[in-house]
Amino acid sequence: MRDFVRPLIFLVIGVICAAPLCHSAEAEAGFVPLFDGKTLQGWNLDGGAGNGFVVEDGILVCPQGSVGNLYTTQEFANFVLRLQYRMSPGGNNGVAIRAPGHGRASSVGMEIQIIDNDHPTWKHLRPEQLDGSIYDVVPAKGGHNRGPGQWNDLEITADKRQVTVRLNGAVILDSDLDSITDPKVLEKHPGLRRPSGLIGLLGHEIRVEFRAVRVKRLP
């Protein structure tokens, strides 16, 4: 191999492995994909309108104007969920965890909020309704979302009664569900008590895209 070719090959490999989708084997050990990049196999749509969720060029998309929740067919109790999402301006979606697959996911299960905080549409939101929060229950730390048009790395860990959310490598929420004792909150959100359920993506009429959706079960 010519001397000038070898450095070029290593440079290309380095660039590829620096991309968001290039994860080390150690970091991804035990994870299995929930989205095959081609179909909605392993998912069910609940209450869909418009185009529901569709696959476009290997990306799972909630199109503009569509609503409805896309749930896994499998239940998960303790797990680490990793995915990437990209919002359009004003984007609004969410990740349901331990949900029953019907009803309002943020109430009968839990919703980790996905939203474009800085868009004027959402200037009225309370802290516990902002990006990364357990919706309407526990606020997340702001300042880590890359904004519309950029891919964000989201990791959600549900380990018994502890829920941890990482966004682009930063811990933005770490909550012991047993520390939530307000009777009004518990009455409004009975899903906080659920030990297991479905994982879901929650459409709210504004285009949001997902890829690299994978999960690892915990003991």
N, C-alpha and C. Protein backbone atom coordinates (compact mmCIF):
# COMPACT_ATOMS: atom_id res chain seq x y z
N MET A 1 0.85 -1.20 0.00
CA MET A 1 0.00 0.00 0.00
C MET A 1 0.89 1.25 0.00
N ARG A 2 0.58 2.16 -0.88
CA ARG A 2 1.39 3.37 -0.96
C ARG A 2 1.29 4.17 0.33
N ASP A 3 2.40 4.88 0.66
CA ASP A 3 2.49 5.58 1.93
C ASP A 3 1.41 6.65 2.08
N PHE A 4 1.03 7.29 0.98
CA PHE A 4 0.07 8.38 1.10
C PHE A 4 -1.36 7.87 1.21
N VAL A 5 -1.61 6.61 0.87
CA VAL A 5 -2.95 6.05 0.94
C VAL A 5 -3.30 5.64 2.35
N ARG A 6 -2.33 5.04 3.08
CA ARG A 6 -2.60 4.51 4.42
C ARG A 6 -3.12 5.59 5.38
N PRO A 7 -2.45 6.76 5.48
CA PRO A 7 -2.98 7.80 6.38
C PRO A 7 -4.39 8.25 6.02
N LEU A 8 -4.69 8.25 4.71
CA LEU A 8 -6.01 8.67 4.28
C LEU A 8 -7.08 7.70 4.77
N ILE A 9 -6.78 6.41 4.71
CA ILE A 9 -7.74 5.39 5.17
C ILE A 9 -8.02 5.56 6.64
N PHE A 10 -6.96 5.75 7.45
CA PHE A 10 -7.15 5.90 8.88
C PHE A 10 -7.91 7.18 9.21
N LEU A 11 -7.69 8.23 8.41
CA LEU A 11 -8.42 9.47 8.62
C LEU A 11 -9.91 9.26 8.38
N VAL A 12 -10.28 8.55 7.32
CA VAL A 12 -11.68 8.28 7.00
C VAL A 12 -12.33 7.46 8.09
N ILE A 13 -11.62 6.42 8.58
CA ILE A 13 -12.15 5.58 9.65
C ILE A 13 -12.40 6.40 10.90
N GLY A 14 -11.47 7.30 11.21
CA GLY A 14 -11.63 8.13 12.40
C GLY A 14 -12.84 9.03 12.31
N VAL A 15 -13.09 9.60 11.11
CA VAL A 15 -14.24 10.47 10.94
C VAL A 15 -15.53 9.69 11.10
N ILE A 16 -15.58 8.48 10.52
CA ILE A 16 -16.77 7.65 10.62
C ILE A 16 -17.07 7.32 12.07
N CYS A 17 -16.07 6.92 12.83
CA CYS A 17 -16.28 6.50 14.21
C CYS A 17 -16.53 7.65 15.16
N ALA A 18 -16.36 8.88 14.67
CA ALA A 18 -16.71 10.04 15.49
C ALA A 18 -18.16 10.44 15.31
N ALA A 19 -18.85 9.82 14.33
CA ALA A 19 -20.24 10.15 14.06
C ALA A 19 -21.12 9.67 15.20
N PRO A 20 -22.31 10.31 15.38
CA PRO A 20 -23.18 9.98 16.51
C PRO A 20 -23.62 8.54 16.54
N LEU A 21 -23.72 7.88 15.38
CA LEU A 21 -24.23 6.51 15.35
C LEU A 21 -23.15 5.48 15.55
N CYS A 22 -21.90 5.85 15.71
CA CYS A 22 -20.82 4.90 15.90
C CYS A 22 -20.55 4.73 17.38
N HIS A 23 -21.09 3.67 17.97
CA HIS A 23 -20.97 3.44 19.40
C HIS A 23 -20.02 2.27 19.62
N SER A 24 -19.22 2.34 20.65
CA SER A 24 -18.31 1.25 20.95
C SER A 24 -19.08 0.03 21.36
N ALA A 25 -18.46 -1.16 21.15
CA ALA A 25 -19.12 -2.41 21.50
C ALA A 25 -19.41 -2.46 22.99
N GLU A 26 -18.50 -1.92 23.79
CA GLU A 26 -18.70 -1.94 25.24
C GLU A 26 -19.90 -1.08 25.64
N ALA A 27 -20.02 0.10 25.02
CA ALA A 27 -21.11 1.01 25.37
C ALA A 27 -22.45 0.44 24.96
N GLU A 28 -22.49 -0.39 23.91
CA GLU A 28 -23.74 -0.90 23.38
C GLU A 28 -24.01 -2.35 23.78
N ALA A 29 -23.20 -2.95 24.62
CA ALA A 29 -23.36 -4.34 25.00
C ALA A 29 -24.73 -4.57 25.62
N GLY A 30 -25.44 -5.56 25.12
CA GLY A 30 -26.74 -5.90 25.66
C GLY A 30 -27.91 -5.16 25.04
N PHE A 31 -27.65 -4.18 24.18
CA PHE A 31 -28.73 -3.43 23.54
C PHE A 31 -29.25 -4.16 22.31
N VAL A 32 -30.56 -4.09 22.11
CA VAL A 32 -31.19 -4.65 20.91
C VAL A 32 -32.00 -3.56 20.24
N PRO A 33 -32.07 -3.55 18.91
CA PRO A 33 -32.82 -2.50 18.21
C PRO A 33 -34.32 -2.68 18.38
N LEU A 34 -35.03 -1.56 18.53
CA LEU A 34 -36.48 -1.57 18.53
C LEU A 34 -37.05 -1.14 17.18
N PHE A 35 -36.21 -0.54 16.35
CA PHE A 35 -36.62 -0.06 15.03
C PHE A 35 -35.63 -0.58 14.00
N ASP A 36 -36.16 -1.31 13.00
CA ASP A 36 -35.27 -1.96 12.02
C ASP A 36 -34.86 -1.05 10.87
N GLY A 37 -35.33 0.19 10.86
CA GLY A 37 -34.96 1.13 9.81
C GLY A 37 -35.75 0.97 8.52
N LYS A 38 -36.67 -0.01 8.50
CA LYS A 38 -37.41 -0.27 7.26
C LYS A 38 -38.92 -0.34 7.47
N THR A 39 -39.34 -0.90 8.59
CA THR A 39 -40.76 -1.14 8.83
C THR A 39 -41.14 -0.73 10.25
N LEU A 40 -42.42 -0.84 10.57
CA LEU A 40 -42.92 -0.60 11.92
C LEU A 40 -43.14 -1.92 12.65
N GLN A 41 -42.43 -2.95 12.23
CA GLN A 41 -42.54 -4.23 12.90
C GLN A 41 -42.13 -4.09 14.37
N GLY A 42 -42.94 -4.65 15.26
CA GLY A 42 -42.67 -4.54 16.69
C GLY A 42 -43.34 -3.35 17.35
N TRP A 43 -44.14 -2.60 16.55
CA TRP A 43 -44.83 -1.41 17.06
C TRP A 43 -46.31 -1.46 16.70
N ASN A 44 -47.14 -0.83 17.52
CA ASN A 44 -48.57 -0.68 17.25
C ASN A 44 -48.95 0.79 17.40
N LEU A 45 -49.82 1.27 16.51
CA LEU A 45 -50.28 2.66 16.56
C LEU A 45 -51.60 2.74 17.31
N ASP A 46 -51.67 3.63 18.30
CA ASP A 46 -52.89 3.82 19.08
C ASP A 46 -53.43 5.22 18.82
N GLY A 47 -54.67 5.30 18.35
CA GLY A 47 -55.32 6.59 18.17
C GLY A 47 -54.72 7.45 17.09
N GLY A 48 -54.20 6.86 16.03
CA GLY A 48 -53.52 7.62 15.00
C GLY A 48 -54.47 8.41 14.11
N ALA A 49 -54.00 9.56 13.63
CA ALA A 49 -54.72 10.36 12.65
C ALA A 49 -53.68 10.93 11.69
N GLY A 50 -54.13 11.37 10.53
CA GLY A 50 -53.18 11.81 9.52
C GLY A 50 -52.40 10.61 9.01
N ASN A 51 -51.10 10.73 8.91
CA ASN A 51 -50.26 9.63 8.43
C ASN A 51 -49.68 8.79 9.56
N GLY A 52 -50.09 9.07 10.80
CA GLY A 52 -49.53 8.31 11.91
C GLY A 52 -48.01 8.44 11.94
N PHE A 53 -47.32 7.32 12.12
CA PHE A 53 -45.87 7.28 12.03
C PHE A 53 -45.49 6.52 10.77
N VAL A 54 -44.45 6.98 10.08
CA VAL A 54 -44.02 6.35 8.83
C VAL A 54 -42.50 6.22 8.83
N VAL A 55 -41.99 5.41 7.92
CA VAL A 55 -40.55 5.24 7.75
C VAL A 55 -40.13 5.95 6.47
N GLU A 56 -39.14 6.84 6.59
CA GLU A 56 -38.62 7.58 5.45
C GLU A 56 -37.10 7.50 5.46
N ASP A 57 -36.54 6.81 4.46
CA ASP A 57 -35.08 6.74 4.30
C ASP A 57 -34.39 6.28 5.59
N GLY A 58 -34.94 5.25 6.22
CA GLY A 58 -34.33 4.68 7.40
C GLY A 58 -34.61 5.43 8.69
N ILE A 59 -35.49 6.42 8.64
CA ILE A 59 -35.83 7.23 9.81
C ILE A 59 -37.29 7.03 10.16
N LEU A 60 -37.59 6.93 11.45
CA LEU A 60 -38.95 6.80 11.94
C LEU A 60 -39.51 8.21 12.15
N VAL A 61 -40.58 8.53 11.44
CA VAL A 61 -41.06 9.91 11.37
C VAL A 61 -42.50 10.02 11.86
N CYS A 62 -42.74 11.01 12.71
CA CYS A 62 -44.09 11.49 12.98
C CYS A 62 -44.29 12.70 12.07
N PRO A 63 -45.06 12.56 10.98
CA PRO A 63 -45.17 13.65 10.02
C PRO A 63 -45.96 14.85 10.55
N GLN A 64 -45.78 15.97 9.89
CA GLN A 64 -46.53 17.17 10.23
C GLN A 64 -48.03 16.87 10.15
N GLY A 65 -48.78 17.27 11.16
CA GLY A 65 -50.23 17.10 11.14
C GLY A 65 -50.71 15.77 11.69
N SER A 66 -49.79 14.89 12.06
CA SER A 66 -50.18 13.58 12.54
C SER A 66 -50.17 13.52 14.06
N VAL A 67 -51.11 12.75 14.59
CA VAL A 67 -51.17 12.52 16.03
C VAL A 67 -51.29 11.02 16.26
N GLY A 68 -51.21 10.63 17.48
CA GLY A 68 -51.31 9.22 17.82
C GLY A 68 -50.03 8.75 18.48
N ASN A 69 -50.14 7.66 19.21
CA ASN A 69 -49.01 7.12 19.95
C ASN A 69 -48.58 5.80 19.33
N LEU A 70 -47.28 5.66 19.14
CA LEU A 70 -46.71 4.44 18.58
C LEU A 70 -46.06 3.67 19.72
N TYR A 71 -46.60 2.48 20.03
CA TYR A 71 -46.13 1.72 21.17
C TYR A 71 -45.44 0.43 20.74
N THR A 72 -44.45 0.02 21.53
CA THR A 72 -43.84 -1.29 21.31
C THR A 72 -44.86 -2.38 21.61
N THR A 73 -44.69 -3.53 20.98
CA THR A 73 -45.54 -4.67 21.27
C THR A 73 -45.07 -5.41 22.52
N GLN A 74 -43.84 -5.16 22.94
CA GLN A 74 -43.29 -5.79 24.13
C GLN A 74 -43.36 -4.83 25.32
N GLU A 75 -43.49 -5.40 26.51
CA GLU A 75 -43.44 -4.60 27.73
C GLU A 75 -42.02 -4.60 28.29
N PHE A 76 -41.70 -3.52 29.01
CA PHE A 76 -40.40 -3.37 29.63
C PHE A 76 -40.59 -2.83 31.04
N ALA A 77 -39.86 -3.42 31.98
CA ALA A 77 -39.93 -2.98 33.37
C ALA A 77 -38.74 -2.09 33.70
N ASN A 78 -37.56 -2.70 33.84
CA ASN A 78 -36.32 -1.97 34.11
C ASN A 78 -35.45 -2.03 32.86
N PHE A 79 -34.98 -0.88 32.40
CA PHE A 79 -34.32 -0.85 31.10
C PHE A 79 -33.53 0.43 30.91
N VAL A 80 -32.67 0.41 29.90
CA VAL A 80 -32.02 1.62 29.38
C VAL A 80 -32.46 1.75 27.93
N LEU A 81 -33.06 2.88 27.59
CA LEU A 81 -33.50 3.16 26.23
C LEU A 81 -32.61 4.23 25.64
N ARG A 82 -32.10 4.00 24.44
CA ARG A 82 -31.31 5.00 23.74
C ARG A 82 -31.92 5.26 22.37
N LEU A 83 -31.95 6.52 21.98
CA LEU A 83 -32.43 6.88 20.65
C LEU A 83 -31.89 8.25 20.29
N GLN A 84 -32.06 8.59 19.02
CA GLN A 84 -31.75 9.94 18.55
C GLN A 84 -33.03 10.55 17.99
N TYR A 85 -33.22 11.84 18.24
CA TYR A 85 -34.39 12.52 17.69
C TYR A 85 -33.97 13.87 17.11
N ARG A 86 -34.75 14.30 16.12
CA ARG A 86 -34.52 15.58 15.46
C ARG A 86 -35.88 16.28 15.29
N MET A 87 -35.96 17.50 15.77
CA MET A 87 -37.22 18.25 15.73
C MET A 87 -37.23 19.25 14.59
N SER A 88 -38.43 19.53 14.10
CA SER A 88 -38.64 20.72 13.28
C SER A 88 -38.91 21.88 14.22
N PRO A 89 -38.85 23.13 13.75
CA PRO A 89 -39.13 24.26 14.64
C PRO A 89 -40.49 24.12 15.32
N GLY A 90 -40.51 24.34 16.64
CA GLY A 90 -41.73 24.17 17.40
C GLY A 90 -42.07 22.73 17.70
N GLY A 91 -41.11 21.83 17.49
CA GLY A 91 -41.34 20.40 17.64
C GLY A 91 -41.90 20.02 19.00
N ASN A 92 -42.76 19.01 18.99
CA ASN A 92 -43.39 18.54 20.22
C ASN A 92 -43.68 17.05 20.06
N ASN A 93 -43.14 16.25 20.97
CA ASN A 93 -43.35 14.81 20.96
C ASN A 93 -43.07 14.32 22.37
N GLY A 94 -42.83 13.07 22.54
CA GLY A 94 -42.50 12.54 23.86
C GLY A 94 -42.20 11.07 23.78
N VAL A 95 -41.56 10.56 24.82
CA VAL A 95 -41.28 9.13 24.93
C VAL A 95 -42.06 8.60 26.13
N ALA A 96 -42.97 7.69 25.86
CA ALA A 96 -43.72 7.06 26.93
C ALA A 96 -42.92 5.90 27.50
N ILE A 97 -42.96 5.74 28.81
CA ILE A 97 -42.35 4.57 29.45
C ILE A 97 -43.35 3.98 30.44
N ARG A 98 -43.30 2.66 30.57
CA ARG A 98 -44.19 1.91 31.47
C ARG A 98 -45.66 2.29 31.24
N ALA A 99 -46.03 2.48 29.99
CA ALA A 99 -47.39 2.88 29.64
C ALA A 99 -48.24 1.65 29.32
N PRO A 100 -49.56 1.73 29.53
CA PRO A 100 -50.43 0.59 29.23
C PRO A 100 -50.80 0.45 27.76
N GLY A 101 -50.53 1.49 26.96
CA GLY A 101 -50.84 1.40 25.53
C GLY A 101 -52.18 1.98 25.15
N HIS A 102 -52.82 2.65 26.09
CA HIS A 102 -54.09 3.33 25.81
C HIS A 102 -54.22 4.47 26.81
N GLY A 103 -55.10 5.41 26.51
CA GLY A 103 -55.27 6.55 27.40
C GLY A 103 -54.16 7.57 27.24
N ARG A 104 -54.16 8.57 28.10
CA ARG A 104 -53.15 9.64 28.05
C ARG A 104 -51.86 9.12 28.67
N ALA A 105 -50.84 8.96 27.85
CA ALA A 105 -49.61 8.29 28.29
C ALA A 105 -48.95 8.99 29.47
N SER A 106 -49.00 10.32 29.51
CA SER A 106 -48.34 11.06 30.58
C SER A 106 -49.04 10.90 31.92
N SER A 107 -50.25 10.37 31.90
CA SER A 107 -51.01 10.16 33.13
C SER A 107 -51.04 8.68 33.53
N VAL A 108 -51.42 7.82 32.60
CA VAL A 108 -51.54 6.39 32.92
C VAL A 108 -50.20 5.67 32.86
N GLY A 109 -49.21 6.31 32.26
CA GLY A 109 -47.83 5.84 32.29
C GLY A 109 -46.95 7.01 32.72
N MET A 110 -45.82 7.18 32.05
CA MET A 110 -44.98 8.36 32.22
C MET A 110 -44.53 8.83 30.84
N GLU A 111 -44.35 10.13 30.70
CA GLU A 111 -43.86 10.71 29.45
C GLU A 111 -42.60 11.52 29.71
N ILE A 112 -41.55 11.19 28.98
CA ILE A 112 -40.35 12.03 28.97
C ILE A 112 -40.53 13.01 27.81
N GLN A 113 -40.61 14.27 28.12
CA GLN A 113 -40.98 15.30 27.17
C GLN A 113 -39.89 15.53 26.12
N ILE A 114 -40.34 15.71 24.87
CA ILE A 114 -39.49 16.18 23.77
C ILE A 114 -40.17 17.41 23.19
N ILE A 115 -39.51 18.57 23.30
CA ILE A 115 -40.15 19.79 22.83
C ILE A 115 -39.11 20.87 22.55
N ASP A 116 -39.42 21.74 21.59
CA ASP A 116 -38.57 22.87 21.25
C ASP A 116 -38.87 24.01 22.21
N ASN A 117 -38.20 23.99 23.37
CA ASN A 117 -38.48 24.95 24.44
C ASN A 117 -38.48 26.40 24.00
N ASP A 118 -37.58 26.74 23.06
CA ASP A 118 -37.34 28.14 22.72
C ASP A 118 -38.33 28.70 21.71
N HIS A 119 -39.21 27.85 21.18
CA HIS A 119 -40.17 28.34 20.19
C HIS A 119 -41.27 29.16 20.89
N PRO A 120 -41.69 30.29 20.29
CA PRO A 120 -42.71 31.14 20.92
C PRO A 120 -44.00 30.41 21.28
N THR A 121 -44.30 29.34 20.55
CA THR A 121 -45.52 28.59 20.82
C THR A 121 -45.57 28.07 22.25
N TRP A 122 -44.39 27.76 22.80
CA TRP A 122 -44.34 27.08 24.09
C TRP A 122 -43.85 27.98 25.23
N LYS A 123 -43.92 29.28 25.05
CA LYS A 123 -43.40 30.19 26.07
C LYS A 123 -44.19 30.15 27.38
N HIS A 124 -45.40 29.57 27.33
CA HIS A 124 -46.25 29.53 28.52
C HIS A 124 -46.02 28.29 29.37
N LEU A 125 -45.18 27.37 28.95
CA LEU A 125 -45.04 26.09 29.65
C LEU A 125 -44.38 26.26 31.01
N ARG A 126 -44.78 25.40 31.93
CA ARG A 126 -44.18 25.34 33.25
C ARG A 126 -42.89 24.52 33.19
N PRO A 127 -41.99 24.65 34.16
CA PRO A 127 -40.72 23.91 34.13
C PRO A 127 -40.89 22.41 33.95
N GLU A 128 -41.90 21.83 34.60
CA GLU A 128 -42.09 20.39 34.51
C GLU A 128 -42.74 19.94 33.20
N GLN A 129 -42.93 20.89 32.27
CA GLN A 129 -43.45 20.56 30.94
C GLN A 129 -42.38 20.75 29.85
N LEU A 130 -41.19 21.12 30.26
CA LEU A 130 -40.14 21.43 29.29
C LEU A 130 -39.35 20.18 28.91
N ASP A 131 -38.50 20.32 27.93
CA ASP A 131 -37.77 19.21 27.32
C ASP A 131 -37.02 18.37 28.37
N GLY A 132 -37.21 17.05 28.28
CA GLY A 132 -36.51 16.13 29.16
C GLY A 132 -37.19 15.84 30.46
N SER A 133 -38.25 16.58 30.79
CA SER A 133 -38.94 16.40 32.06
C SER A 133 -39.79 15.13 32.05
N ILE A 134 -40.07 14.59 33.26
CA ILE A 134 -41.18 13.66 33.39
C ILE A 134 -42.41 14.56 33.35
N TYR A 135 -43.11 14.50 32.23
CA TYR A 135 -44.10 15.53 31.91
C TYR A 135 -45.08 15.78 33.06
N ASP A 136 -45.17 17.05 33.44
CA ASP A 136 -46.11 17.55 34.43
C ASP A 136 -45.80 17.07 35.84
N VAL A 137 -44.60 16.46 36.02
CA VAL A 137 -44.26 15.91 37.34
C VAL A 137 -42.91 16.41 37.85
N VAL A 138 -41.83 16.12 37.11
CA VAL A 138 -40.47 16.45 37.55
C VAL A 138 -39.76 17.25 36.46
N PRO A 139 -39.29 18.46 36.73
CA PRO A 139 -38.60 19.25 35.71
C PRO A 139 -37.18 18.75 35.45
N ALA A 140 -36.73 18.94 34.22
CA ALA A 140 -35.36 18.59 33.84
C ALA A 140 -34.50 19.85 33.75
N LYS A 141 -33.20 19.66 33.79
CA LYS A 141 -32.27 20.77 33.59
C LYS A 141 -32.25 21.15 32.12
N GLY A 142 -32.31 22.43 31.85
CA GLY A 142 -32.32 22.90 30.47
C GLY A 142 -30.92 23.17 29.94
N GLY A 143 -30.87 23.58 28.68
CA GLY A 143 -29.62 24.02 28.08
C GLY A 143 -28.83 22.96 27.36
N HIS A 144 -29.37 21.77 27.16
CA HIS A 144 -28.60 20.70 26.53
C HIS A 144 -29.20 20.23 25.20
N ASN A 145 -30.37 20.73 24.84
CA ASN A 145 -30.96 20.38 23.54
C ASN A 145 -30.25 21.15 22.44
N ARG A 146 -29.93 20.48 21.34
CA ARG A 146 -29.21 21.12 20.24
C ARG A 146 -30.10 21.95 19.34
N GLY A 147 -31.42 21.88 19.53
CA GLY A 147 -32.33 22.72 18.77
C GLY A 147 -32.82 22.09 17.49
N PRO A 148 -33.79 22.75 16.84
CA PRO A 148 -34.39 22.22 15.62
C PRO A 148 -33.35 21.94 14.54
N GLY A 149 -33.57 20.87 13.82
CA GLY A 149 -32.70 20.50 12.71
C GLY A 149 -31.46 19.74 13.09
N GLN A 150 -31.21 19.54 14.38
CA GLN A 150 -30.02 18.84 14.86
C GLN A 150 -30.42 17.54 15.56
N TRP A 151 -29.61 16.51 15.37
CA TRP A 151 -29.88 15.25 16.05
C TRP A 151 -29.45 15.34 17.51
N ASN A 152 -30.30 14.86 18.40
CA ASN A 152 -30.04 14.80 19.83
C ASN A 152 -29.96 13.35 20.29
N ASP A 153 -29.01 13.06 21.17
CA ASP A 153 -28.87 11.72 21.75
C ASP A 153 -29.60 11.68 23.09
N LEU A 154 -30.62 10.84 23.18
CA LEU A 154 -31.42 10.73 24.39
C LEU A 154 -31.26 9.34 24.99
N GLU A 155 -31.01 9.30 26.30
CA GLU A 155 -30.93 8.04 27.02
C GLU A 155 -31.84 8.11 28.24
N ILE A 156 -32.73 7.15 28.36
CA ILE A 156 -33.66 7.08 29.49
C ILE A 156 -33.42 5.76 30.22
N THR A 157 -33.14 5.86 31.51
CA THR A 157 -32.95 4.68 32.33
C THR A 157 -34.08 4.62 33.36
N ALA A 158 -34.81 3.51 33.35
CA ALA A 158 -35.84 3.24 34.36
C ALA A 158 -35.39 2.00 35.12
N ASP A 159 -34.89 2.21 36.32
CA ASP A 159 -34.35 1.12 37.13
C ASP A 159 -35.13 1.08 38.44
N LYS A 160 -36.10 0.19 38.49
CA LYS A 160 -37.02 0.12 39.62
C LYS A 160 -37.68 1.49 39.81
N ARG A 161 -37.43 2.20 40.91
CA ARG A 161 -38.12 3.46 41.17
C ARG A 161 -37.28 4.68 40.79
N GLN A 162 -36.12 4.45 40.16
CA GLN A 162 -35.24 5.55 39.76
C GLN A 162 -35.35 5.77 38.25
N VAL A 163 -35.61 7.00 37.85
CA VAL A 163 -35.66 7.37 36.43
C VAL A 163 -34.59 8.42 36.17
N THR A 164 -33.71 8.13 35.22
CA THR A 164 -32.61 9.03 34.87
C THR A 164 -32.68 9.35 33.38
N VAL A 165 -32.50 10.61 33.04
CA VAL A 165 -32.52 11.04 31.64
C VAL A 165 -31.20 11.74 31.32
N ARG A 166 -30.55 11.28 30.26
CA ARG A 166 -29.35 11.94 29.74
C ARG A 166 -29.67 12.49 28.35
N LEU A 167 -29.26 13.73 28.12
CA LEU A 167 -29.44 14.36 26.81
C LEU A 167 -28.09 14.85 26.33
N ASN A 168 -27.65 14.30 25.21
CA ASN A 168 -26.35 14.66 24.64
C ASN A 168 -25.23 14.53 25.67
N GLY A 169 -25.31 13.45 26.46
CA GLY A 169 -24.26 13.10 27.41
C GLY A 169 -24.41 13.70 28.80
N ALA A 170 -25.32 14.65 28.98
CA ALA A 170 -25.50 15.31 30.27
C ALA A 170 -26.71 14.74 31.00
N VAL A 171 -26.57 14.51 32.29
CA VAL A 171 -27.71 14.08 33.11
C VAL A 171 -28.60 15.29 33.35
N ILE A 172 -29.81 15.25 32.82
CA ILE A 172 -30.72 16.39 32.98
C ILE A 172 -31.86 16.08 33.95
N LEU A 173 -32.01 14.82 34.33
CA LEU A 173 -33.03 14.44 35.29
C LEU A 173 -32.60 13.16 35.98
N ASP A 174 -32.74 13.11 37.30
CA ASP A 174 -32.43 11.91 38.07
C ASP A 174 -33.38 11.90 39.26
N SER A 175 -34.44 11.11 39.16
CA SER A 175 -35.53 11.22 40.12
C SER A 175 -35.90 9.88 40.72
N ASP A 176 -36.05 9.87 42.04
CA ASP A 176 -36.61 8.74 42.77
C ASP A 176 -38.12 8.92 42.80
N LEU A 177 -38.85 8.04 42.13
CA LEU A 177 -40.30 8.20 42.05
C LEU A 177 -40.96 8.13 43.41
N ASP A 178 -40.33 7.45 44.34
CA ASP A 178 -40.90 7.37 45.69
C ASP A 178 -40.83 8.70 46.43
N SER A 179 -40.02 9.63 45.92
CA SER A 179 -39.93 10.95 46.56
C SER A 179 -41.09 11.85 46.16
N ILE A 180 -41.91 11.41 45.20
CA ILE A 180 -43.08 12.19 44.76
C ILE A 180 -44.25 11.79 45.66
N THR A 181 -44.62 12.67 46.55
CA THR A 181 -45.62 12.33 47.57
C THR A 181 -46.85 13.24 47.55
N ASP A 182 -46.87 14.25 46.71
CA ASP A 182 -48.01 15.15 46.65
C ASP A 182 -49.25 14.37 46.22
N PRO A 183 -50.29 14.31 47.06
CA PRO A 183 -51.48 13.52 46.71
C PRO A 183 -52.13 13.94 45.40
N LYS A 184 -52.12 15.24 45.10
CA LYS A 184 -52.73 15.72 43.86
C LYS A 184 -51.96 15.21 42.64
N VAL A 185 -50.63 15.21 42.73
CA VAL A 185 -49.80 14.71 41.62
C VAL A 185 -50.02 13.21 41.44
N LEU A 186 -50.03 12.47 42.53
CA LEU A 186 -50.21 11.02 42.44
C LEU A 186 -51.59 10.66 41.92
N GLU A 187 -52.59 11.45 42.27
CA GLU A 187 -53.94 11.19 41.76
C GLU A 187 -54.03 11.46 40.26
N LYS A 188 -53.36 12.52 39.82
CA LYS A 188 -53.39 12.89 38.40
C LYS A 188 -52.52 11.98 37.56
N HIS A 189 -51.48 11.40 38.18
CA HIS A 189 -50.51 10.57 37.44
C HIS A 189 -50.37 9.19 38.10
N PRO A 190 -51.40 8.36 38.03
CA PRO A 190 -51.32 7.02 38.62
C PRO A 190 -50.25 6.15 37.96
N GLY A 191 -49.84 6.52 36.74
CA GLY A 191 -48.81 5.75 36.04
C GLY A 191 -47.46 5.78 36.74
N LEU A 192 -47.25 6.72 37.65
CA LEU A 192 -45.99 6.77 38.39
C LEU A 192 -45.78 5.51 39.22
N ARG A 193 -46.86 4.81 39.52
CA ARG A 193 -46.77 3.60 40.35
C ARG A 193 -46.55 2.33 39.52
N ARG A 194 -46.67 2.44 38.21
CA ARG A 194 -46.58 1.24 37.38
C ARG A 194 -45.15 0.68 37.37
N PRO A 195 -44.99 -0.64 37.57
CA PRO A 195 -43.65 -1.23 37.56
C PRO A 195 -43.16 -1.59 36.17
N SER A 196 -44.06 -1.66 35.19
CA SER A 196 -43.66 -2.04 33.82
C SER A 196 -44.72 -1.56 32.85
N GLY A 197 -44.42 -1.69 31.58
CA GLY A 197 -45.36 -1.29 30.54
C GLY A 197 -44.67 -1.14 29.20
N LEU A 198 -45.33 -0.45 28.30
CA LEU A 198 -44.83 -0.28 26.94
C LEU A 198 -43.98 0.98 26.82
N ILE A 199 -43.08 0.97 25.84
CA ILE A 199 -42.35 2.17 25.42
C ILE A 199 -43.09 2.75 24.23
N GLY A 200 -43.22 4.07 24.18
CA GLY A 200 -43.97 4.67 23.08
C GLY A 200 -43.39 6.00 22.61
N LEU A 201 -43.75 6.38 21.41
CA LEU A 201 -43.45 7.69 20.84
C LEU A 201 -44.77 8.41 20.65
N LEU A 202 -44.85 9.66 21.09
CA LEU A 202 -46.12 10.33 21.25
C LEU A 202 -46.25 11.50 20.28
N GLY A 203 -47.05 11.33 19.26
CA GLY A 203 -47.19 12.34 18.22
C GLY A 203 -48.10 13.48 18.62
N HIS A 204 -47.67 14.72 18.29
CA HIS A 204 -48.46 15.90 18.64
C HIS A 204 -48.55 16.88 17.46
N GLU A 205 -48.73 16.34 16.24
CA GLU A 205 -49.01 17.13 15.04
C GLU A 205 -47.83 17.87 14.44
N ILE A 206 -46.68 17.86 15.10
CA ILE A 206 -45.51 18.57 14.57
C ILE A 206 -44.42 17.55 14.25
N ARG A 207 -43.78 17.70 13.10
CA ARG A 207 -42.84 16.70 12.63
C ARG A 207 -41.65 16.54 13.59
N VAL A 208 -41.43 15.29 13.99
CA VAL A 208 -40.26 14.90 14.77
C VAL A 208 -39.77 13.57 14.22
N GLU A 209 -38.45 13.41 14.11
CA GLU A 209 -37.85 12.23 13.51
C GLU A 209 -37.04 11.46 14.55
N PHE A 210 -36.99 10.13 14.39
CA PHE A 210 -36.27 9.26 15.31
C PHE A 210 -35.41 8.27 14.54
N ARG A 211 -34.31 7.88 15.14
CA ARG A 211 -33.48 6.82 14.58
C ARG A 211 -32.66 6.18 15.71
N ALA A 212 -32.01 5.07 15.38
CA ALA A 212 -31.13 4.37 16.34
C ALA A 212 -31.85 4.09 17.65
N VAL A 213 -33.06 3.58 17.57
CA VAL A 213 -33.85 3.29 18.78
C VAL A 213 -33.46 1.88 19.25
N ARG A 214 -32.91 1.79 20.46
CA ARG A 214 -32.48 0.51 20.97
C ARG A 214 -32.63 0.47 22.49
N VAL A 215 -32.70 -0.75 23.04
CA VAL A 215 -33.02 -0.89 24.45
C VAL A 215 -32.22 -2.04 25.05
N LYS A 216 -31.92 -1.91 26.32
CA LYS A 216 -31.28 -2.98 27.08
C LYS A 216 -32.10 -3.20 28.35
N ARG A 217 -32.52 -4.43 28.55
CA ARG A 217 -33.26 -4.76 29.77
C ARG A 217 -32.30 -4.83 30.95
N LEU A 218 -32.77 -4.36 32.11
CA LEU A 218 -32.02 -4.45 33.35
C LEU A 218 -32.66 -5.50 34.25
N PRO A 219 -31.91 -6.05 35.19
CA PRO A 219 -32.48 -7.08 36.09
C PRO A 219 -33.68 -6.52 36.86
